[in-house]
């Protein structure tokens, strides 16, 4: 039996391409329902990835 829980992504609504990379929209992140803590450009949960600089 095939798994039917997969959402079909719609370009320019759920994601778009920038420099050959897929960028998910805020709408997509909200519908996913959780933060992955990867510092996504359109994070719907306010997560900001911190850069650590070595001296």
C-alpha atoms as a PDB file:
ATOM      1  CA  UNK A   1       0.000   0.000   0.000  1.00  0.00           C
ATOM      2  CA  UNK A   2       1.353   3.448  -0.936  1.00  0.00           C
ATOM      3  CA  UNK A   3       1.913   6.192   1.673  1.00  0.00           C
ATOM      4  CA  UNK A   4      -0.441   9.098   0.813  1.00  0.00           C
ATOM      5  CA  UNK A   5       0.741  11.462   3.595  1.00  0.00           C
ATOM      6  CA  UNK A   6       3.237  13.241   1.329  1.00  0.00           C
ATOM      7  CA  UNK A   7       2.419  16.862   0.464  1.00  0.00           C
ATOM      8  CA  UNK A   8       2.943  18.007  -3.103  1.00  0.00           C
ATOM      9  CA  UNK A   9       5.114  21.143  -3.062  1.00  0.00           C
ATOM     10  CA  UNK A  10       4.149  24.035  -5.330  1.00  0.00           C
ATOM     11  CA  UNK A  11       6.922  26.196  -6.762  1.00  0.00           C
ATOM     12  CA  UNK A  12       6.714  29.904  -5.779  1.00  0.00           C
ATOM     13  CA  UNK A  13       4.239  29.056  -3.003  1.00  0.00           C
ATOM     14  CA  UNK A  14       6.039  26.436  -0.902  1.00  0.00           C
ATOM     15  CA  UNK A  15       9.530  27.036  -2.298  1.00  0.00           C
ATOM     16  CA  UNK A  16      11.534  28.827  -4.961  1.00  0.00           C
ATOM     17  CA  UNK A  17      14.964  28.359  -6.519  1.00  0.00           C
ATOM     18  CA  UNK A  18      17.800  30.779  -5.840  1.00  0.00           C
ATOM     19  CA  UNK A  19      21.223  30.193  -7.391  1.00  0.00           C
ATOM     20  CA  UNK A  20      20.253  26.579  -8.032  1.00  0.00           C
ATOM     21  CA  UNK A  21      19.196  25.936  -4.413  1.00  0.00           C
ATOM     22  CA  UNK A  22      15.670  25.223  -3.194  1.00  0.00           C
ATOM     23  CA  UNK A  23      14.536  27.823  -0.622  1.00  0.00           C
ATOM     24  CA  UNK A  24      11.437  27.015   1.429  1.00  0.00           C
ATOM     25  CA  UNK A  25       8.932  29.818   2.123  1.00  0.00           C
ATOM     26  CA  UNK A  26       7.557  30.843   5.509  1.00  0.00           C
ATOM     27  CA  UNK A  27       4.234  29.270   4.480  1.00  0.00           C
ATOM     28  CA  UNK A  28       5.951  25.913   3.988  1.00  0.00           C
ATOM     29  CA  UNK A  29       7.676  26.126   7.385  1.00  0.00           C
ATOM     30  CA  UNK A  30       4.416  26.985   9.187  1.00  0.00           C
ATOM     31  CA  UNK A  31       2.611  24.062   7.558  1.00  0.00           C
ATOM     32  CA  UNK A  32       5.464  21.709   8.443  1.00  0.00           C
ATOM     33  CA  UNK A  33       4.786  22.585  12.066  1.00  0.00           C
ATOM     34  CA  UNK A  34       8.224  22.699  13.695  1.00  0.00           C
ATOM     35  CA  UNK A  35      11.617  24.410  13.531  1.00  0.00           C
ATOM     36  CA  UNK A  36      14.549  22.353  12.235  1.00  0.00           C
ATOM     37  CA  UNK A  37      17.086  24.812  13.761  1.00  0.00           C
ATOM     38  CA  UNK A  38      19.088  25.048  10.534  1.00  0.00           C
ATOM     39  CA  UNK A  39      18.753  28.829  10.313  1.00  0.00           C
ATOM     40  CA  UNK A  40      16.410  28.796   7.328  1.00  0.00           C
ATOM     41  CA  UNK A  41      16.022  32.128   5.540  1.00  0.00           C
ATOM     42  CA  UNK A  42      12.228  32.176   6.008  1.00  0.00           C
ATOM     43  CA  UNK A  43      12.006  30.534   9.445  1.00  0.00           C
ATOM     44  CA  UNK A  44       8.467  30.967  10.750  1.00  0.00           C
ATOM     45  CA  UNK A  45       9.604  30.328  14.311  1.00  0.00           C
ATOM     46  CA  UNK A  46      12.126  33.139  14.749  1.00  0.00           C
ATOM     47  CA  UNK A  47      15.209  30.902  14.973  1.00  0.00           C
ATOM     48  CA  UNK A  48      18.433  32.702  14.054  1.00  0.00           C
ATOM     49  CA  UNK A  49      21.519  30.564  13.512  1.00  0.00           C
ATOM     50  CA  UNK A  50      24.455  32.041  15.371  1.00  0.00           C
ATOM     51  CA  UNK A  51      27.836  32.314  13.757  1.00  0.00           C
ATOM     52  CA  UNK A  52      30.781  31.562  16.000  1.00  0.00           C
ATOM     53  CA  UNK A  53      33.989  33.355  15.110  1.00  0.00           C
ATOM     54  CA  UNK A  54      37.332  31.973  16.216  1.00  0.00           C
ATOM     55  CA  UNK A  55      40.014  34.476  17.178  1.00  0.00           C
END
